[in-house]
Amino acid sequence: MEDEIPKIYETEGTPLEKKIIDQKWYMEKVGFYWLIAELDSKTKIAFGYANLNNDDFAEWGYIDLYDLKHEGARRDTYWEPRTFEEAQKKIRQYRRGFYQR
């Protein structure tokens, strides 16, 4: 639920790898994903991690959820909150299974 996601700047003192990732958005066909740690529920501006199918250039920053939806990204409704560290492990496991098909 969006009201349970920390507000923008609320987890500022938390190390990035320990931030709780409450939502995952993705574009499966191109391998893009976004991990949401903070959210302004009125403006739909989030703080999180963006990976556009390139681990070397992935980065933390601000994400406009309206733009994601407009571009065709979908929210992973099966995603369960977990630390960024755990989220990365889960995504690596999924990608290994996906690419081995």
C-alpha atoms as a PDB file:
ATOM      1  CA  MET A   1       0.000   0.000   0.000  1.00  0.00           C
ATOM      2  CA  GLU A   2       1.294   3.452  -0.910  1.00  0.00           C
ATOM      3  CA  ASP A   3       0.440   4.915   2.492  1.00  0.00           C
ATOM      4  CA  GLU A   4       2.888   2.463   4.074  1.00  0.00           C
ATOM      5  CA  ILE A   5       5.844   3.541   1.938  1.00  0.00           C
ATOM      6  CA  PRO A   6       8.107   6.043   3.707  1.00  0.00           C
ATOM      7  CA  LYS A   7       7.724   9.625   2.548  1.00  0.00           C
ATOM      8  CA  ILE A   8      10.479  11.357   0.557  1.00  0.00           C
ATOM      9  CA  TYR A   9      13.577  11.944   2.774  1.00  0.00           C
ATOM     10  CA  GLU A  10      12.108   9.818   5.590  1.00  0.00           C
ATOM     11  CA  THR A  11      14.840   7.156   5.281  1.00  0.00           C
ATOM     12  CA  GLU A  12      17.629   9.599   4.432  1.00  0.00           C
ATOM     13  CA  GLY A  13      19.898   8.286   7.215  1.00  0.00           C
ATOM     14  CA  THR A  14      19.500   4.651   6.196  1.00  0.00           C
ATOM     15  CA  PRO A  15      22.361   3.173   4.141  1.00  0.00           C
ATOM     16  CA  LEU A  16      21.218   2.440   0.582  1.00  0.00           C
ATOM     17  CA  GLU A  17      21.708  -1.327   0.854  1.00  0.00           C
ATOM     18  CA  LYS A  18      19.505  -1.372   3.990  1.00  0.00           C
ATOM     19  CA  LYS A  19      16.638   0.726   2.605  1.00  0.00           C
ATOM     20  CA  ILE A  20      13.371  -1.180   2.386  1.00  0.00           C
ATOM     21  CA  ILE A  21      12.166  -1.576  -1.178  1.00  0.00           C
ATOM     22  CA  ASP A  22       8.382  -1.403  -1.021  1.00  0.00           C
ATOM     23  CA  GLN A  23       7.583  -1.533  -4.728  1.00  0.00           C
ATOM     24  CA  LYS A  24       9.137  -2.879  -7.882  1.00  0.00           C
ATOM     25  CA  TRP A  25       8.168  -1.533 -11.328  1.00  0.00           C
ATOM     26  CA  TYR A  26       9.405  -3.177 -14.497  1.00  0.00           C
ATOM     27  CA  MET A  27       9.401  -3.429 -18.274  1.00  0.00           C
ATOM     28  CA  GLU A  28      10.175  -7.098 -18.739  1.00  0.00           C
ATOM     29  CA  LYS A  29      10.745  -7.161 -22.506  1.00  0.00           C
ATOM     30  CA  VAL A  30      13.620  -4.675 -22.260  1.00  0.00           C
ATOM     31  CA  GLY A  31      14.907  -5.700 -18.811  1.00  0.00           C
ATOM     32  CA  PHE A  32      14.277  -2.342 -17.098  1.00  0.00           C
ATOM     33  CA  TYR A  33      13.282  -2.176 -13.430  1.00  0.00           C
ATOM     34  CA  TRP A  34      12.807   0.411 -10.704  1.00  0.00           C
ATOM     35  CA  LEU A  35      12.866  -0.232  -6.953  1.00  0.00           C
ATOM     36  CA  ILE A  36      10.909   2.233  -4.823  1.00  0.00           C
ATOM     37  CA  ALA A  37      12.057   3.092  -1.278  1.00  0.00           C
ATOM     38  CA  GLU A  38      10.292   6.439  -0.645  1.00  0.00           C
ATOM     39  CA  LEU A  39       7.228   8.075  -2.152  1.00  0.00           C
ATOM     40  CA  ASP A  40       5.326  11.345  -2.194  1.00  0.00           C
ATOM     41  CA  SER A  41       1.849   9.871  -2.621  1.00  0.00           C
ATOM     42  CA  LYS A  42       0.368  13.167  -3.886  1.00  0.00           C
ATOM     43  CA  THR A  43       2.868  13.957  -6.651  1.00  0.00           C
ATOM     44  CA  LYS A  44       3.803  10.299  -7.307  1.00  0.00           C
ATOM     45  CA  ILE A  45       7.483  11.216  -7.176  1.00  0.00           C
ATOM     46  CA  ALA A  46       9.506   8.402  -5.661  1.00  0.00           C
ATOM     47  CA  PHE A  47      13.077   7.893  -4.531  1.00  0.00           C
ATOM     48  CA  GLY A  48      14.572   4.615  -5.580  1.00  0.00           C
ATOM     49  CA  TYR A  49      16.910   2.640  -7.746  1.00  0.00           C
ATOM     50  CA  ALA A  50      16.687   2.536 -11.533  1.00  0.00           C
ATOM     51  CA  ASN A  51      18.295  -0.175 -13.633  1.00  0.00           C
ATOM     52  CA  LEU A  52      17.802   0.166 -17.367  1.00  0.00           C
ATOM     53  CA  ASN A  53      19.231  -3.270 -18.144  1.00  0.00           C
ATOM     54  CA  ASN A  54      22.772  -2.186 -17.355  1.00  0.00           C
ATOM     55  CA  ASP A  55      24.138  -2.833 -13.860  1.00  0.00           C
ATOM     56  CA  ASP A  56      27.143  -0.582 -14.479  1.00  0.00           C
ATOM     57  CA  PHE A  57      24.982   2.494 -15.057  1.00  0.00           C
ATOM     58  CA  ALA A  58      22.137   1.768 -12.619  1.00  0.00           C
ATOM     59  CA  GLU A  59      21.642   4.472 -10.006  1.00  0.00           C
ATOM     60  CA  TRP A  60      19.606   5.866  -7.127  1.00  0.00           C
ATOM     61  CA  GLY A  61      17.512   8.930  -7.763  1.00  0.00           C
ATOM     62  CA  TYR A  62      14.034  10.378  -8.167  1.00  0.00           C
ATOM     63  CA  ILE A  63      11.449   8.604 -10.278  1.00  0.00           C
ATOM     64  CA  ASP A  64       8.144   9.929 -11.581  1.00  0.00           C
ATOM     65  CA  LEU A  65       5.611   7.099 -11.316  1.00  0.00           C
ATOM     66  CA  TYR A  66       3.265   8.856 -13.754  1.00  0.00           C
ATOM     67  CA  ASP A  67       6.045   8.765 -16.351  1.00  0.00           C
ATOM     68  CA  LEU A  68       6.724   5.085 -15.665  1.00  0.00           C
ATOM     69  CA  LYS A  69       3.066   4.220 -16.223  1.00  0.00           C
ATOM     70  CA  HIS A  70       2.933   6.370 -19.351  1.00  0.00           C
ATOM     71  CA  GLU A  71       5.963   4.558 -20.788  1.00  0.00           C
ATOM     72  CA  GLY A  72       4.383   1.154 -20.141  1.00  0.00           C
ATOM     73  CA  ALA A  73       6.066   0.080 -16.917  1.00  0.00           C
ATOM     74  CA  ARG A  74       4.040  -2.189 -14.684  1.00  0.00           C
ATOM     75  CA  ARG A  75       4.029  -2.547 -10.940  1.00  0.00           C
ATOM     76  CA  ASP A  76       4.957  -6.000  -9.653  1.00  0.00           C
ATOM     77  CA  THR A  77       1.876  -6.814  -7.573  1.00  0.00           C
ATOM     78  CA  TYR A  78       3.580  -9.904  -6.115  1.00  0.00           C
ATOM     79  CA  TRP A  79       6.530  -7.922  -4.740  1.00  0.00           C
ATOM     80  CA  GLU A  80       7.044  -8.148  -0.982  1.00  0.00           C
ATOM     81  CA  PRO A  81       8.990  -5.435   0.883  1.00  0.00           C
ATOM     82  CA  ARG A  82      12.630  -6.322   1.530  1.00  0.00           C
ATOM     83  CA  THR A  83      15.959  -4.560   1.895  1.00  0.00           C
ATOM     84  CA  PHE A  84      17.709  -3.355  -1.238  1.00  0.00           C
ATOM     85  CA  GLU A  85      20.372  -5.997  -0.633  1.00  0.00           C
ATOM     86  CA  GLU A  86      17.726  -8.743  -0.560  1.00  0.00           C
ATOM     87  CA  ALA A  87      15.925  -7.227  -3.557  1.00  0.00           C
ATOM     88  CA  GLN A  88      19.085  -7.388  -5.664  1.00  0.00           C
ATOM     89  CA  LYS A  89      19.564 -11.072  -4.756  1.00  0.00           C
ATOM     90  CA  LYS A  90      15.946 -11.826  -5.692  1.00  0.00           C
ATOM     91  CA  ILE A  91      16.280 -10.040  -9.034  1.00  0.00           C
ATOM     92  CA  ARG A  92      19.546 -11.845  -9.857  1.00  0.00           C
ATOM     93  CA  GLN A  93      17.868 -15.200  -9.110  1.00  0.00           C
ATOM     94  CA  TYR A  94      14.927 -14.310 -11.324  1.00  0.00           C
ATOM     95  CA  ARG A  95      17.148 -13.134 -14.172  1.00  0.00           C
ATOM     96  CA  ARG A  96      19.206 -16.332 -14.070  1.00  0.00           C
ATOM     97  CA  GLY A  97      16.027 -18.388 -14.354  1.00  0.00           C
ATOM     98  CA  PHE A  98      14.525 -16.107 -17.019  1.00  0.00           C
ATOM     99  CA  TYR A  99      17.584 -16.112 -19.265  1.00  0.00           C
ATOM    100  CA  GLN A 100      18.076 -19.869 -18.970  1.00  0.00           C
ATOM    101  CA  ARG A 101      14.680 -20.614 -20.568  1.00  0.00           C
END
